[in-house]
Every structure is written in C-alpha cells, then in structure tokens.
Amino acid sequence: MEKIVKQGLLYDFYGELLTERQKQIYEDAVFSDMSLSELSDEYGISRQGVHDLLKRCDKTLAEYEAKLGLIARFQKIREKIEMIQRLTVQEEIRMLAEEIIEEL
C-alpha cells in the first residue's frame, strides 16, 4: 500500500488517539504536504523534532492497527461486499451492497 494512503487510513481510524499537537503537525505533514522546514517554522521546533514527532506518530498509529486490526477488518468487509455485489443478479441486492460500500 502506498505510504500516503496507508498514513491516511491509519489517521482516519486512529488519529483521534493522538494528542492535539501531534494531530496538527501530522495533518500538516501528511495532508498539507508541508516540509520539515515549514513545520519547524510553523510550530517553533527543530526540523529533527518534527521528524521525530512524525516517526513516533507513524509508529503509534501502526501499533494501534497491530493491536486492534480495524483497518484489516474494514478492508475484508469491503472486499466481501464487493464480491456480493459482483455475484448478485437481483438489482435490489446489488444496490444495497453498493450503499453499504459507500457508507464504509
């Protein structure tokens, strides 16, 4: 899985478990694509401090996934619903599966 996509998924599922400061810096780094220099200027910490914080956040989020497995479960459910959708002949069931996928 591409790193940015993986970071986005991890943040979507577990980002609320980070501190407010971690969330702000992580969002700016990952979603706004700010550089370490830009982040260090914005938050008044060193580039190394920003780098370390981002690495800790990545590690923390990955550990949550390793323990809880929510993303893996989400992806399995999505795959099964997509399979139901492909195999279903009845339009009503197909549409219901499509609605569930959109809600995920």
PDB file of N, CA and C in Angstrom:
ATOM      1  N   MET A   1       0.846  -1.168   0.000  1.00  0.00           N
ATOM      2  CA  MET A   1       0.000   0.000   0.000  1.00  0.00           C
ATOM      3  C   MET A   1       0.900   1.243   0.000  1.00  0.00           C
ATOM      4  N   GLU A   2       0.556   2.213  -0.823  1.00  0.00           N
ATOM      5  CA  GLU A   2       1.348   3.433  -0.895  1.00  0.00           C
ATOM      6  C   GLU A   2       1.410   4.097   0.478  1.00  0.00           C
ATOM      7  N   LYS A   3       2.558   4.676   0.805  1.00  0.00           N
ATOM      8  CA  LYS A   3       2.776   5.229   2.138  1.00  0.00           C
ATOM      9  C   LYS A   3       1.734   6.284   2.511  1.00  0.00           C
ATOM     10  N   ILE A   4       1.439   7.208   1.607  1.00  0.00           N
ATOM     11  CA  ILE A   4       0.482   8.286   1.907  1.00  0.00           C
ATOM     12  C   ILE A   4      -0.907   7.707   2.154  1.00  0.00           C
ATOM     13  N   VAL A   5      -1.314   6.732   1.347  1.00  0.00           N
ATOM     14  CA  VAL A   5      -2.623   6.108   1.525  1.00  0.00           C
ATOM     15  C   VAL A   5      -2.670   5.392   2.869  1.00  0.00           C
ATOM     16  N   LYS A   6      -1.599   4.679   3.185  1.00  0.00           N
ATOM     17  CA  LYS A   6      -1.536   3.963   4.462  1.00  0.00           C
ATOM     18  C   LYS A   6      -1.601   4.941   5.631  1.00  0.00           C
ATOM     19  N   GLN A   7      -0.842   6.040   5.547  1.00  0.00           N
ATOM     20  CA  GLN A   7      -0.869   7.037   6.610  1.00  0.00           C
ATOM     21  C   GLN A   7      -2.267   7.638   6.754  1.00  0.00           C
ATOM     22  N   GLY A   8      -2.912   7.894   5.633  1.00  0.00           N
ATOM     23  CA  GLY A   8      -4.264   8.448   5.667  1.00  0.00           C
ATOM     24  C   GLY A   8      -5.256   7.511   6.334  1.00  0.00           C
ATOM     25  N   LEU A   9      -5.181   6.231   5.982  1.00  0.00           N
ATOM     26  CA  LEU A   9      -6.073   5.246   6.600  1.00  0.00           C
ATOM     27  C   LEU A   9      -5.813   5.124   8.098  1.00  0.00           C
ATOM     28  N   LEU A  10      -4.547   5.023   8.455  1.00  0.00           N
ATOM     29  CA  LEU A  10      -4.217   4.916   9.877  1.00  0.00           C
ATOM     30  C   LEU A  10      -4.729   6.133  10.639  1.00  0.00           C
ATOM     31  N   TYR A  11      -4.557   7.309  10.051  1.00  0.00           N
ATOM     32  CA  TYR A  11      -5.014   8.525  10.716  1.00  0.00           C
ATOM     33  C   TYR A  11      -6.533   8.565  10.805  1.00  0.00           C
ATOM     34  N   ASP A  12      -7.206   8.157   9.735  1.00  0.00           N
ATOM     35  CA  ASP A  12      -8.677   8.137   9.749  1.00  0.00           C
ATOM     36  C   ASP A  12      -9.215   7.252  10.873  1.00  0.00           C
ATOM     37  N   PHE A  13      -8.581   6.119  11.076  1.00  0.00           N
ATOM     38  CA  PHE A  13      -9.065   5.173  12.077  1.00  0.00           C
ATOM     39  C   PHE A  13      -8.590   5.501  13.492  1.00  0.00           C
ATOM     40  N   TYR A  14      -7.359   5.981  13.624  1.00  0.00           N
ATOM     41  CA  TYR A  14      -6.779   6.119  14.950  1.00  0.00           C
ATOM     42  C   TYR A  14      -6.286   7.524  15.295  1.00  0.00           C
ATOM     43  N   GLY A  15      -6.446   8.474  14.415  1.00  0.00           N
ATOM     44  CA  GLY A  15      -5.924   9.818  14.634  1.00  0.00           C
ATOM     45  C   GLY A  15      -6.434  10.495  15.889  1.00  0.00           C
ATOM     46  N   GLU A  16      -7.661  10.207  16.261  1.00  0.00           N
ATOM     47  CA  GLU A  16      -8.235  10.831  17.455  1.00  0.00           C
ATOM     48  C   GLU A  16      -7.519  10.392  18.737  1.00  0.00           C
ATOM     49  N   LEU A  17      -6.710   9.367  18.653  1.00  0.00           N
ATOM     50  CA  LEU A  17      -5.978   8.887  19.820  1.00  0.00           C
ATOM     51  C   LEU A  17      -4.657   9.630  20.018  1.00  0.00           C
ATOM     52  N   LEU A  18      -4.287  10.469  19.066  1.00  0.00           N
ATOM     53  CA  LEU A  18      -3.087  11.294  19.188  1.00  0.00           C
ATOM     54  C   LEU A  18      -3.423  12.553  19.986  1.00  0.00           C
ATOM     55  N   THR A  19      -2.382  13.212  20.505  1.00  0.00           N
ATOM     56  CA  THR A  19      -2.605  14.490  21.186  1.00  0.00           C
ATOM     57  C   THR A  19      -2.969  15.549  20.151  1.00  0.00           C
ATOM     58  N   GLU A  20      -3.509  16.666  20.606  1.00  0.00           N
ATOM     59  CA  GLU A  20      -3.893  17.749  19.688  1.00  0.00           C
ATOM     60  C   GLU A  20      -2.689  18.232  18.887  1.00  0.00           C
ATOM     61  N   ARG A  21      -1.565  18.417  19.549  1.00  0.00           N
ATOM     62  CA  ARG A  21      -0.355  18.894  18.851  1.00  0.00           C
ATOM     63  C   ARG A  21       0.116  17.870  17.824  1.00  0.00           C
ATOM     64  N   GLN A  22       0.126  16.611  18.193  1.00  0.00           N
ATOM     65  CA  GLN A  22       0.514  15.568  17.245  1.00  0.00           C
ATOM     66  C   GLN A  22      -0.417  15.582  16.036  1.00  0.00           C
ATOM     67  N   LYS A  23      -1.723  15.705  16.298  1.00  0.00           N
ATOM     68  CA  LYS A  23      -2.688  15.729  15.189  1.00  0.00           C
ATOM     69  C   LYS A  23      -2.437  16.903  14.263  1.00  0.00           C
ATOM     70  N   GLN A  24      -2.202  18.088  14.816  1.00  0.00           N
ATOM     71  CA  GLN A  24      -1.979  19.272  13.992  1.00  0.00           C
ATOM     72  C   GLN A  24      -0.765  19.091  13.091  1.00  0.00           C
ATOM     73  N   ILE A  25       0.334  18.684  13.691  1.00  0.00           N
ATOM     74  CA  ILE A  25       1.579  18.538  12.929  1.00  0.00           C
ATOM     75  C   ILE A  25       1.453  17.400  11.920  1.00  0.00           C
ATOM     76  N   TYR A  26       0.858  16.286  12.327  1.00  0.00           N
ATOM     77  CA  TYR A  26       0.704  15.140  11.423  1.00  0.00           C
ATOM     78  C   TYR A  26      -0.183  15.500  10.237  1.00  0.00           C
ATOM     79  N   GLU A  27      -1.285  16.191  10.492  1.00  0.00           N
ATOM     80  CA  GLU A  27      -2.174  16.607   9.407  1.00  0.00           C
ATOM     81  C   GLU A  27      -1.458  17.529   8.439  1.00  0.00           C
ATOM     82  N   ASP A  28      -0.699  18.497   8.974  1.00  0.00           N
ATOM     83  CA  ASP A  28       0.034  19.411   8.096  1.00  0.00           C
ATOM     84  C   ASP A  28       1.086  18.674   7.276  1.00  0.00           C
ATOM     85  N   ALA A  29       1.740  17.707   7.871  1.00  0.00           N
ATOM     86  CA  ALA A  29       2.784  16.958   7.157  1.00  0.00           C
ATOM     87  C   ALA A  29       2.191  16.038   6.098  1.00  0.00           C
ATOM     88  N   VAL A  30       1.171  15.276   6.476  1.00  0.00           N
ATOM     89  CA  VAL A  30       0.636  14.248   5.578  1.00  0.00           C
ATOM     90  C   VAL A  30      -0.377  14.808   4.596  1.00  0.00           C
ATOM     91  N   PHE A  31      -1.323  15.592   5.082  1.00  0.00           N
ATOM     92  CA  PHE A  31      -2.420  16.037   4.229  1.00  0.00           C
ATOM     93  C   PHE A  31      -2.133  17.358   3.523  1.00  0.00           C
ATOM     94  N   SER A  32      -1.336  18.227   4.151  1.00  0.00           N
ATOM     95  CA  SER A  32      -0.997  19.502   3.513  1.00  0.00           C
ATOM     96  C   SER A  32       0.375  19.454   2.866  1.00  0.00           C
ATOM     97  N   ASP A  33       1.078  18.336   3.020  1.00  0.00           N
ATOM     98  CA  ASP A  33       2.378  18.100   2.397  1.00  0.00           C
ATOM     99  C   ASP A  33       3.395  19.190   2.731  1.00  0.00           C
ATOM    100  N   MET A  34       3.382  19.634   3.983  1.00  0.00           N
ATOM    101  CA  MET A  34       4.358  20.633   4.408  1.00  0.00           C
ATOM    102  C   MET A  34       5.700  19.951   4.676  1.00  0.00           C
ATOM    103  N   SER A  35       6.773  20.663   4.386  1.00  0.00           N
ATOM    104  CA  SER A  35       8.112  20.124   4.599  1.00  0.00           C
ATOM    105  C   SER A  35       8.487  20.225   6.077  1.00  0.00           C
ATOM    106  N   LEU A  36       9.566  19.532   6.431  1.00  0.00           N
ATOM    107  CA  LEU A  36      10.057  19.599   7.810  1.00  0.00           C
ATOM    108  C   LEU A  36      10.424  21.030   8.177  1.00  0.00           C
ATOM    109  N   SER A  37      11.021  21.761   7.235  1.00  0.00           N
ATOM    110  CA  SER A  37      11.389  23.156   7.497  1.00  0.00           C
ATOM    111  C   SER A  37      10.158  24.018   7.726  1.00  0.00           C
ATOM    112  N   GLU A  38       9.156  23.837   6.890  1.00  0.00           N
ATOM    113  CA  GLU A  38       7.919  24.607   7.058  1.00  0.00           C
ATOM    114  C   GLU A  38       7.263  24.295   8.398  1.00  0.00           C
ATOM    115  N   LEU A  39       7.234  23.022   8.752  1.00  0.00           N
ATOM    116  CA  LEU A  39       6.634  22.623  10.027  1.00  0.00           C
ATOM    117  C   LEU A  39       7.429  23.156  11.215  1.00  0.00           C
ATOM    118  N   SER A  40       8.750  23.114  11.125  1.00  0.00           N
ATOM    119  CA  SER A  40       9.560  23.610  12.237  1.00  0.00           C
ATOM    120  C   SER A  40       9.364  25.109  12.419  1.00  0.00           C
ATOM    121  N   ASP A  41       9.245  25.859  11.322  1.00  0.00           N
ATOM    122  CA  ASP A  41       8.962  27.293  11.412  1.00  0.00           C
ATOM    123  C   ASP A  41       7.575  27.541  11.988  1.00  0.00           C
ATOM    124  N   GLU A  42       6.597  26.785  11.520  1.00  0.00           N
ATOM    125  CA  GLU A  42       5.201  26.962  11.944  1.00  0.00           C
ATOM    126  C   GLU A  42       5.006  26.667  13.434  1.00  0.00           C
ATOM    127  N   TYR A  43       5.678  25.622  13.930  1.00  0.00           N
ATOM    128  CA  TYR A  43       5.435  25.182  15.301  1.00  0.00           C
ATOM    129  C   TYR A  43       6.561  25.528  16.276  1.00  0.00           C
ATOM    130  N   GLY A  44       7.608  26.172  15.782  1.00  0.00           N
ATOM    131  CA  GLY A  44       8.681  26.613  16.655  1.00  0.00           C
ATOM    132  C   GLY A  44       9.495  25.496  17.271  1.00  0.00           C
ATOM    133  N   ILE A  45       9.665  24.409  16.529  1.00  0.00           N
ATOM    134  CA  ILE A  45      10.519  23.315  16.990  1.00  0.00           C
ATOM    135  C   ILE A  45      11.522  22.999  15.891  1.00  0.00           C
ATOM    136  N   SER A  46      12.551  22.261  16.230  1.00  0.00           N
ATOM    137  CA  SER A  46      13.591  21.951  15.244  1.00  0.00           C
ATOM    138  C   SER A  46      13.076  20.985  14.181  1.00  0.00           C
ATOM    139  N   ARG A  47      13.783  20.953  13.053  1.00  0.00           N
ATOM    140  CA  ARG A  47      13.436  20.004  11.990  1.00  0.00           C
ATOM    141  C   ARG A  47      13.544  18.578  12.532  1.00  0.00           C
ATOM    142  N   GLN A  48      14.573  18.322  13.343  1.00  0.00           N
ATOM    143  CA  GLN A  48      14.750  16.994  13.925  1.00  0.00           C
ATOM    144  C   GLN A  48      13.595  16.663  14.861  1.00  0.00           C
ATOM    145  N   GLY A  49      13.128  17.661  15.606  1.00  0.00           N
ATOM    146  CA  GLY A  49      11.986  17.465  16.494  1.00  0.00           C
ATOM    147  C   GLY A  49      10.729  17.103  15.717  1.00  0.00           C
ATOM    148  N   VAL A  50      10.521  17.784  14.590  1.00  0.00           N
ATOM    149  CA  VAL A  50       9.373  17.476  13.731  1.00  0.00           C
ATOM    150  C   VAL A  50       9.500  16.064  13.182  1.00  0.00           C
ATOM    151  N   HIS A  51      10.691  15.736  12.699  1.00  0.00           N
ATOM    152  CA  HIS A  51      10.946  14.404  12.131  1.00  0.00           C
ATOM    153  C   HIS A  51      10.659  13.320  13.165  1.00  0.00           C
ATOM    154  N   ASP A  52      11.186  13.519  14.373  1.00  0.00           N
ATOM    155  CA  ASP A  52      10.973  12.540  15.442  1.00  0.00           C
ATOM    156  C   ASP A  52       9.492  12.403  15.796  1.00  0.00           C
ATOM    157  N   LEU A  53       8.783  13.534  15.870  1.00  0.00           N
ATOM    158  CA  LEU A  53       7.364  13.501  16.191  1.00  0.00           C
ATOM    159  C   LEU A  53       6.578  12.728  15.130  1.00  0.00           C
ATOM    160  N   LEU A  54       6.894  12.969  13.859  1.00  0.00           N
ATOM    161  CA  LEU A  54       6.193  12.269  12.779  1.00  0.00           C
ATOM    162  C   LEU A  54       6.478  10.774  12.816  1.00  0.00           C
ATOM    163  N   LYS A  55       7.719  10.406  13.098  1.00  0.00           N
ATOM    164  CA  LYS A  55       8.069   8.983  13.206  1.00  0.00           C
ATOM    165  C   LYS A  55       7.333   8.327  14.375  1.00  0.00           C
ATOM    166  N   ARG A  56       7.263   9.032  15.505  1.00  0.00           N
ATOM    167  CA  ARG A  56       6.539   8.493  16.669  1.00  0.00           C
ATOM    168  C   ARG A  56       5.054   8.324  16.359  1.00  0.00           C
ATOM    169  N   CYS A  57       4.486   9.308  15.660  1.00  0.00           N
ATOM    170  CA  CYS A  57       3.065   9.208  15.287  1.00  0.00           C
ATOM    171  C   CYS A  57       2.839   8.009  14.374  1.00  0.00           C
ATOM    172  N   ASP A  58       3.693   7.857  13.358  1.00  0.00           N
ATOM    173  CA  ASP A  58       3.557   6.706  12.448  1.00  0.00           C
ATOM    174  C   ASP A  58       3.641   5.401  13.223  1.00  0.00           C
ATOM    175  N   LYS A  59       4.606   5.325  14.136  1.00  0.00           N
ATOM    176  CA  LYS A  59       4.785   4.107  14.931  1.00  0.00           C
ATOM    177  C   LYS A  59       3.575   3.858  15.829  1.00  0.00           C
ATOM    178  N   THR A  60       3.095   4.903  16.477  1.00  0.00           N
ATOM    179  CA  THR A  60       1.949   4.782  17.372  1.00  0.00           C
ATOM    180  C   THR A  60       0.716   4.309  16.617  1.00  0.00           C
ATOM    181  N   LEU A  61       0.447   4.931  15.468  1.00  0.00           N
ATOM    182  CA  LEU A  61      -0.724   4.557  14.670  1.00  0.00           C
ATOM    183  C   LEU A  61      -0.611   3.114  14.176  1.00  0.00           C
ATOM    184  N   ALA A  62       0.592   2.723  13.751  1.00  0.00           N
ATOM    185  CA  ALA A  62       0.804   1.345  13.291  1.00  0.00           C
ATOM    186  C   ALA A  62       0.613   0.347  14.440  1.00  0.00           C
ATOM    187  N   GLU A  63       1.027   0.726  15.640  1.00  0.00           N
ATOM    188  CA  GLU A  63       0.844  -0.152  16.797  1.00  0.00           C
ATOM    189  C   GLU A  63      -0.635  -0.326  17.134  1.00  0.00           C
ATOM    190  N   TYR A  64      -1.404   0.757  17.015  1.00  0.00           N
ATOM    191  CA  TYR A  64      -2.847   0.644  17.243  1.00  0.00           C
ATOM    192  C   TYR A  64      -3.456  -0.347  16.249  1.00  0.00           C
ATOM    193  N   GLU A  65      -3.050  -0.248  14.984  1.00  0.00           N
ATOM    194  CA  GLU A  65      -3.585  -1.169  13.978  1.00  0.00           C
ATOM    195  C   GLU A  65      -3.159  -2.602  14.270  1.00  0.00           C
ATOM    196  N   ALA A  66      -1.906  -2.777  14.690  1.00  0.00           N
ATOM    197  CA  ALA A  66      -1.420  -4.127  15.003  1.00  0.00           C
ATOM    198  C   ALA A  66      -2.224  -4.748  16.150  1.00  0.00           C
ATOM    199  N   LYS A  67      -2.603  -3.927  17.121  1.00  0.00           N
ATOM    200  CA  LYS A  67      -3.347  -4.443  18.267  1.00  0.00           C
ATOM    201  C   LYS A  67      -4.836  -4.588  17.985  1.00  0.00           C
ATOM    202  N   LEU A  68      -5.407  -3.625  17.284  1.00  0.00           N
ATOM    203  CA  LEU A  68      -6.862  -3.606  17.102  1.00  0.00           C
ATOM    204  C   LEU A  68      -7.330  -4.151  15.752  1.00  0.00           C
ATOM    205  N   GLY A  69      -6.535  -3.990  14.723  1.00  0.00           N
ATOM    206  CA  GLY A  69      -6.852  -4.547  13.412  1.00  0.00           C
ATOM    207  C   GLY A  69      -8.100  -3.988  12.741  1.00  0.00           C
ATOM    208  N   LEU A  70      -8.475  -2.750  13.043  1.00  0.00           N
ATOM    209  CA  LEU A  70      -9.696  -2.185  12.473  1.00  0.00           C
ATOM    210  C   LEU A  70      -9.616  -1.987  10.959  1.00  0.00           C
ATOM    211  N   ILE A  71      -8.463  -1.569  10.473  1.00  0.00           N
ATOM    212  CA  ILE A  71      -8.315  -1.346   9.033  1.00  0.00           C
ATOM    213  C   ILE A  71      -8.388  -2.672   8.287  1.00  0.00           C
ATOM    214  N   ALA A  72      -7.720  -3.682   8.807  1.00  0.00           N
ATOM    215  CA  ALA A  72      -7.763  -5.002   8.164  1.00  0.00           C
ATOM    216  C   ALA A  72      -9.189  -5.528   8.109  1.00  0.00           C
ATOM    217  N   ARG A  73      -9.926  -5.382   9.205  1.00  0.00           N
ATOM    218  CA  ARG A  73     -11.323  -5.830   9.234  1.00  0.00           C
ATOM    219  C   ARG A  73     -12.162  -5.031   8.247  1.00  0.00           C
ATOM    220  N   PHE A  74     -11.957  -3.726   8.208  1.00  0.00           N
ATOM    221  CA  PHE A  74     -12.667  -2.850   7.277  1.00  0.00           C
ATOM    222  C   PHE A  74     -12.443  -3.304   5.838  1.00  0.00           C
ATOM    223  N   GLN A  75     -11.183  -3.556   5.489  1.00  0.00           N
ATOM    224  CA  GLN A  75     -10.859  -3.954   4.119  1.00  0.00           C
ATOM    225  C   GLN A  75     -11.464  -5.319   3.768  1.00  0.00           C
ATOM    226  N   LYS A  76     -11.470  -6.263   4.707  1.00  0.00           N
ATOM    227  CA  LYS A  76     -12.075  -7.575   4.460  1.00  0.00           C
ATOM    228  C   LYS A  76     -13.579  -7.444   4.238  1.00  0.00           C
ATOM    229  N   ILE A  77     -14.231  -6.658   5.066  1.00  0.00           N
ATOM    230  CA  ILE A  77     -15.678  -6.454   4.904  1.00  0.00           C
ATOM    231  C   ILE A  77     -15.975  -5.817   3.561  1.00  0.00           C
ATOM    232  N   ARG A  78     -15.206  -4.828   3.198  1.00  0.00           N
ATOM    233  CA  ARG A  78     -15.403  -4.148   1.913  1.00  0.00           C
ATOM    234  C   ARG A  78     -15.229  -5.118   0.740  1.00  0.00           C
ATOM    235  N   GLU A  79     -14.205  -5.944   0.794  1.00  0.00           N
ATOM    236  CA  GLU A  79     -13.970  -6.926  -0.266  1.00  0.00           C
ATOM    237  C   GLU A  79     -15.135  -7.911  -0.375  1.00  0.00           C
ATOM    238  N   LYS A  80     -15.653  -8.373   0.752  1.00  0.00           N
ATOM    239  CA  LYS A  80     -16.767  -9.328   0.741  1.00  0.00           C
ATOM    240  C   LYS A  80     -18.031  -8.681   0.167  1.00  0.00           C
ATOM    241  N   ILE A  81     -18.280  -7.439   0.531  1.00  0.00           N
ATOM    242  CA  ILE A  81     -19.460  -6.752  -0.010  1.00  0.00           C
ATOM    243  C   ILE A  81     -19.315  -6.541  -1.507  1.00  0.00           C
ATOM    244  N   GLU A  82     -18.109  -6.197  -1.945  1.00  0.00           N
ATOM    245  CA  GLU A  82     -17.880  -6.035  -3.388  1.00  0.00           C
ATOM    246  C   GLU A  82     -18.086  -7.360  -4.121  1.00  0.00           C
ATOM    247  N   MET A  83     -17.685  -8.465  -3.486  1.00  0.00           N
ATOM    248  CA  MET A  83     -17.894  -9.780  -4.087  1.00  0.00           C
ATOM    249  C   MET A  83     -19.390 -10.082  -4.179  1.00  0.00           C
ATOM    250  N   ILE A  84     -20.131  -9.780  -3.121  1.00  0.00           N
ATOM    251  CA  ILE A  84     -21.586  -9.965  -3.153  1.00  0.00           C
ATOM    252  C   ILE A  84     -22.183  -9.151  -4.287  1.00  0.00           C
ATOM    253  N   GLN A  85     -21.707  -7.947  -4.423  1.00  0.00           N
ATOM    254  CA  GLN A  85     -22.221  -7.059  -5.463  1.00  0.00           C
ATOM    255  C   GLN A  85     -21.957  -7.639  -6.854  1.00  0.00           C
ATOM    256  N   ARG A  86     -20.776  -8.194  -7.076  1.00  0.00           N
ATOM    257  CA  ARG A  86     -20.444  -8.770  -8.385  1.00  0.00           C
ATOM    258  C   ARG A  86     -21.260 -10.030  -8.674  1.00  0.00           C
ATOM    259  N   LEU A  87     -21.511 -10.833  -7.625  1.00  0.00           N
ATOM    260  CA  LEU A  87     -22.174 -12.107  -7.818  1.00  0.00           C
ATOM    261  C   LEU A  87     -23.695 -12.011  -7.842  1.00  0.00           C
ATOM    262  N   THR A  88     -24.224 -10.895  -7.393  1.00  0.00           N
ATOM    263  CA  THR A  88     -25.666 -10.761  -7.256  1.00  0.00           C
ATOM    264  C   THR A  88     -26.327 -10.409  -8.575  1.00  0.00           C
ATOM    265  N   VAL A  89     -27.398 -11.142  -8.859  1.00  0.00           N
ATOM    266  CA  VAL A  89     -28.170 -10.901 -10.072  1.00  0.00           C
ATOM    267  C   VAL A  89     -29.302  -9.915  -9.785  1.00  0.00           C
ATOM    268  N   GLN A  90     -29.884 -10.009  -8.620  1.00  0.00           N
ATOM    269  CA  GLN A  90     -31.010  -9.150  -8.282  1.00  0.00           C
ATOM    270  C   GLN A  90     -30.533  -7.708  -8.064  1.00  0.00           C
ATOM    271  N   GLU A  91     -31.161  -6.800  -8.759  1.00  0.00           N
ATOM    272  CA  GLU A  91     -30.759  -5.396  -8.725  1.00  0.00           C
ATOM    273  C   GLU A  91     -30.900  -4.781  -7.330  1.00  0.00           C
ATOM    274  N   GLU A  92     -31.937  -5.160  -6.594  1.00  0.00           N
ATOM    275  CA  GLU A  92     -32.148  -4.590  -5.264  1.00  0.00           C
ATOM    276  C   GLU A  92     -30.994  -4.925  -4.319  1.00  0.00           C
ATOM    277  N   ILE A  93     -30.549  -6.165  -4.367  1.00  0.00           N
ATOM    278  CA  ILE A  93     -29.440  -6.584  -3.502  1.00  0.00           C
ATOM    279  C   ILE A  93     -28.155  -5.900  -3.944  1.00  0.00           C
ATOM    280  N   ARG A  94     -27.957  -5.789  -5.231  1.00  0.00           N
ATOM    281  CA  ARG A  94     -26.771  -5.122  -5.769  1.00  0.00           C
ATOM    282  C   ARG A  94     -26.731  -3.660  -5.297  1.00  0.00           C
ATOM    283  N   MET A  95     -27.864  -2.986  -5.345  1.00  0.00           N
ATOM    284  CA  MET A  95     -27.929  -1.589  -4.932  1.00  0.00           C
ATOM    285  C   MET A  95     -27.676  -1.452  -3.426  1.00  0.00           C
ATOM    286  N   LEU A  96     -28.199  -2.392  -2.647  1.00  0.00           N
ATOM    287  CA  LEU A  96     -27.979  -2.384  -1.209  1.00  0.00           C
ATOM    288  C   LEU A  96     -26.487  -2.553  -0.898  1.00  0.00           C
ATOM    289  N   ALA A  97     -25.829  -3.466  -1.582  1.00  0.00           N
ATOM    290  CA  ALA A  97     -24.396  -3.668  -1.390  1.00  0.00           C
ATOM    291  C   ALA A  97     -23.632  -2.401  -1.754  1.00  0.00           C
ATOM    292  N   GLU A  98     -24.035  -1.743  -2.807  1.00  0.00           N
ATOM    293  CA  GLU A  98     -23.396  -0.505  -3.223  1.00  0.00           C
ATOM    294  C   GLU A  98     -23.566   0.576  -2.153  1.00  0.00           C
ATOM    295  N   GLU A  99     -24.742   0.673  -1.552  1.00  0.00           N
ATOM    296  CA  GLU A  99     -24.982   1.647  -0.484  1.00  0.00           C
ATOM    297  C   GLU A  99     -24.086   1.363   0.719  1.00  0.00           C
ATOM    298  N   ILE A 100     -23.938   0.087   1.060  1.00  0.00           N
ATOM    299  CA  ILE A 100     -23.088  -0.273   2.202  1.00  0.00           C
ATOM    300  C   ILE A 100     -21.639   0.108   1.932  1.00  0.00           C
ATOM    301  N   ILE A 101     -21.158  -0.134   0.729  1.00  0.00           N
ATOM    302  CA  ILE A 101     -19.782   0.227   0.371  1.00  0.00           C
ATOM    303  C   ILE A 101     -19.582   1.731   0.508  1.00  0.00           C
ATOM    304  N   GLU A 102     -20.535   2.504   0.060  1.00  0.00           N
ATOM    305  CA  GLU A 102     -20.424   3.965   0.160  1.00  0.00           C
ATOM    306  C   GLU A 102     -20.389   4.421   1.608  1.00  0.00           C
ATOM    307  N   GLU A 103     -21.135   3.738   2.476  1.00  0.00           N
ATOM    308  CA  GLU A 103     -21.164   4.113   3.884  1.00  0.00           C
ATOM    309  C   GLU A 103     -19.858   3.748   4.595  1.00  0.00           C
ATOM    310  N   LEU A 104     -19.160   2.721   4.095  1.00  0.00           N
ATOM    311  CA  LEU A 104     -17.885   2.331   4.709  1.00  0.00           C
ATOM    312  C   LEU A 104     -16.871   3.413   4.418  1.00  0.00           C
TER     313      LEU A 104
END
